[in-house]
Amino acid sequence: MSFSSWSAFLDMGGYGLYVWGSYGFALASIVWVFLAIWWQHRRQLDQLRTIAQRQAELEKREDESEA
């Protein structure tokens, strides 16, 4: 399919709004999924750090109470 100009390409024979809207929605959905995964991963890492810190504090207290 060839177009005579960039505006004809963007117009897509009158279907440009639907075509580019679909591409935009798909791209936004993909970005949202990646961001949601990244946020969840970051939150889980923070939780694991908190758990590790609490365990280290408990072990330190146990060692101090034994001495």
C-alpha atoms as a PDB file:
ATOM      1  CA  MET A   1       0.000   0.000   0.000  1.00  0.00           C
ATOM      2  CA  SER A   2       1.550   3.309  -0.997  1.00  0.00           C
ATOM      3  CA  PHE A   3       0.497   6.783   0.027  1.00  0.00           C
ATOM      4  CA  SER A   4       1.103  10.040  -1.802  1.00  0.00           C
ATOM      5  CA  SER A   5       2.001  12.009   1.345  1.00  0.00           C
ATOM      6  CA  TRP A   6       2.439  11.717   5.094  1.00  0.00           C
ATOM      7  CA  SER A   7      -0.993  13.212   5.691  1.00  0.00           C
ATOM      8  CA  ALA A   8      -2.537  10.556   3.422  1.00  0.00           C
ATOM      9  CA  PHE A   9      -0.605   7.916   5.373  1.00  0.00           C
ATOM     10  CA  LEU A  10      -1.885   9.254   8.689  1.00  0.00           C
ATOM     11  CA  ASP A  11      -5.444   9.559   7.321  1.00  0.00           C
ATOM     12  CA  MET A  12      -5.401   5.924   6.080  1.00  0.00           C
ATOM     13  CA  GLY A  13      -8.240   6.498   3.640  1.00  0.00           C
ATOM     14  CA  GLY A  14     -10.535   7.853   6.340  1.00  0.00           C
ATOM     15  CA  TYR A  15      -9.762   5.082   8.831  1.00  0.00           C
ATOM     16  CA  GLY A  16      -6.764   6.768  10.438  1.00  0.00           C
ATOM     17  CA  LEU A  17      -8.573   7.564  13.677  1.00  0.00           C
ATOM     18  CA  TYR A  18      -9.456   3.906  14.194  1.00  0.00           C
ATOM     19  CA  VAL A  19      -6.074   2.573  13.067  1.00  0.00           C
ATOM     20  CA  TRP A  20      -3.939   4.998  15.091  1.00  0.00           C
ATOM     21  CA  GLY A  21      -6.339   4.868  18.020  1.00  0.00           C
ATOM     22  CA  SER A  22      -5.963   1.088  18.074  1.00  0.00           C
ATOM     23  CA  TYR A  23      -2.183   1.340  17.910  1.00  0.00           C
ATOM     24  CA  GLY A  24      -2.219   3.927  20.688  1.00  0.00           C
ATOM     25  CA  PHE A  25      -4.472   1.815  22.884  1.00  0.00           C
ATOM     26  CA  ALA A  26      -2.341  -1.283  22.314  1.00  0.00           C
ATOM     27  CA  LEU A  27       0.856   0.613  23.104  1.00  0.00           C
ATOM     28  CA  ALA A  28      -0.668   2.165  26.230  1.00  0.00           C
ATOM     29  CA  SER A  29      -1.837  -1.282  27.367  1.00  0.00           C
ATOM     30  CA  ILE A  30       1.611  -2.796  26.886  1.00  0.00           C
ATOM     31  CA  VAL A  31       3.263   0.078  28.765  1.00  0.00           C
ATOM     32  CA  TRP A  32       0.716  -0.295  31.571  1.00  0.00           C
ATOM     33  CA  VAL A  33       1.442  -4.024  31.888  1.00  0.00           C
ATOM     34  CA  PHE A  34       5.205  -3.456  32.045  1.00  0.00           C
ATOM     35  CA  LEU A  35       4.784  -0.699  34.645  1.00  0.00           C
ATOM     36  CA  ALA A  36       2.425  -2.820  36.737  1.00  0.00           C
ATOM     37  CA  ILE A  37       4.908  -5.702  36.696  1.00  0.00           C
ATOM     38  CA  TRP A  38       7.771  -3.355  37.604  1.00  0.00           C
ATOM     39  CA  TRP A  39       5.789  -1.783  40.480  1.00  0.00           C
ATOM     40  CA  GLN A  40       4.809  -5.201  41.814  1.00  0.00           C
ATOM     41  CA  HIS A  41       8.399  -6.459  41.575  1.00  0.00           C
ATOM     42  CA  ARG A  42       9.666  -3.369  43.383  1.00  0.00           C
ATOM     43  CA  ARG A  43       7.043  -3.744  46.114  1.00  0.00           C
ATOM     44  CA  GLN A  44       7.953  -7.407  46.623  1.00  0.00           C
ATOM     45  CA  LEU A  45      11.654  -6.553  46.859  1.00  0.00           C
ATOM     46  CA  ASP A  46      10.842  -3.931  49.494  1.00  0.00           C
ATOM     47  CA  GLN A  47       8.841  -6.502  51.448  1.00  0.00           C
ATOM     48  CA  LEU A  48      11.691  -9.013  51.243  1.00  0.00           C
ATOM     49  CA  ARG A  49      14.151  -6.383  52.493  1.00  0.00           C
ATOM     50  CA  THR A  50      11.849  -5.589  55.407  1.00  0.00           C
ATOM     51  CA  ILE A  51      11.537  -9.269  56.305  1.00  0.00           C
ATOM     52  CA  ALA A  52      15.311  -9.745  56.103  1.00  0.00           C
ATOM     53  CA  GLN A  53      15.898  -6.712  58.335  1.00  0.00           C
ATOM     54  CA  ARG A  54      13.402  -7.970  60.907  1.00  0.00           C
ATOM     55  CA  GLN A  55      14.984 -11.416  60.924  1.00  0.00           C
ATOM     56  CA  ALA A  56      18.437  -9.895  61.371  1.00  0.00           C
ATOM     57  CA  GLU A  57      17.172  -7.790  64.288  1.00  0.00           C
ATOM     58  CA  LEU A  58      15.578 -10.847  65.910  1.00  0.00           C
ATOM     59  CA  GLU A  59      18.779 -12.872  65.528  1.00  0.00           C
ATOM     60  CA  LYS A  60      20.786 -10.011  67.014  1.00  0.00           C
ATOM     61  CA  ARG A  61      18.422  -9.782  70.000  1.00  0.00           C
ATOM     62  CA  GLU A  62      18.590 -13.551  70.523  1.00  0.00           C
ATOM     63  CA  ASP A  63      22.391 -13.456  70.447  1.00  0.00           C
ATOM     64  CA  GLU A  64      22.435 -10.569  72.941  1.00  0.00           C
ATOM     65  CA  SER A  65      20.021 -12.325  75.308  1.00  0.00           C
ATOM     66  CA  GLU A  66      22.090 -15.534  75.243  1.00  0.00           C
ATOM     67  CA  ALA A  67      25.287 -13.703  76.170  1.00  0.00           C
END
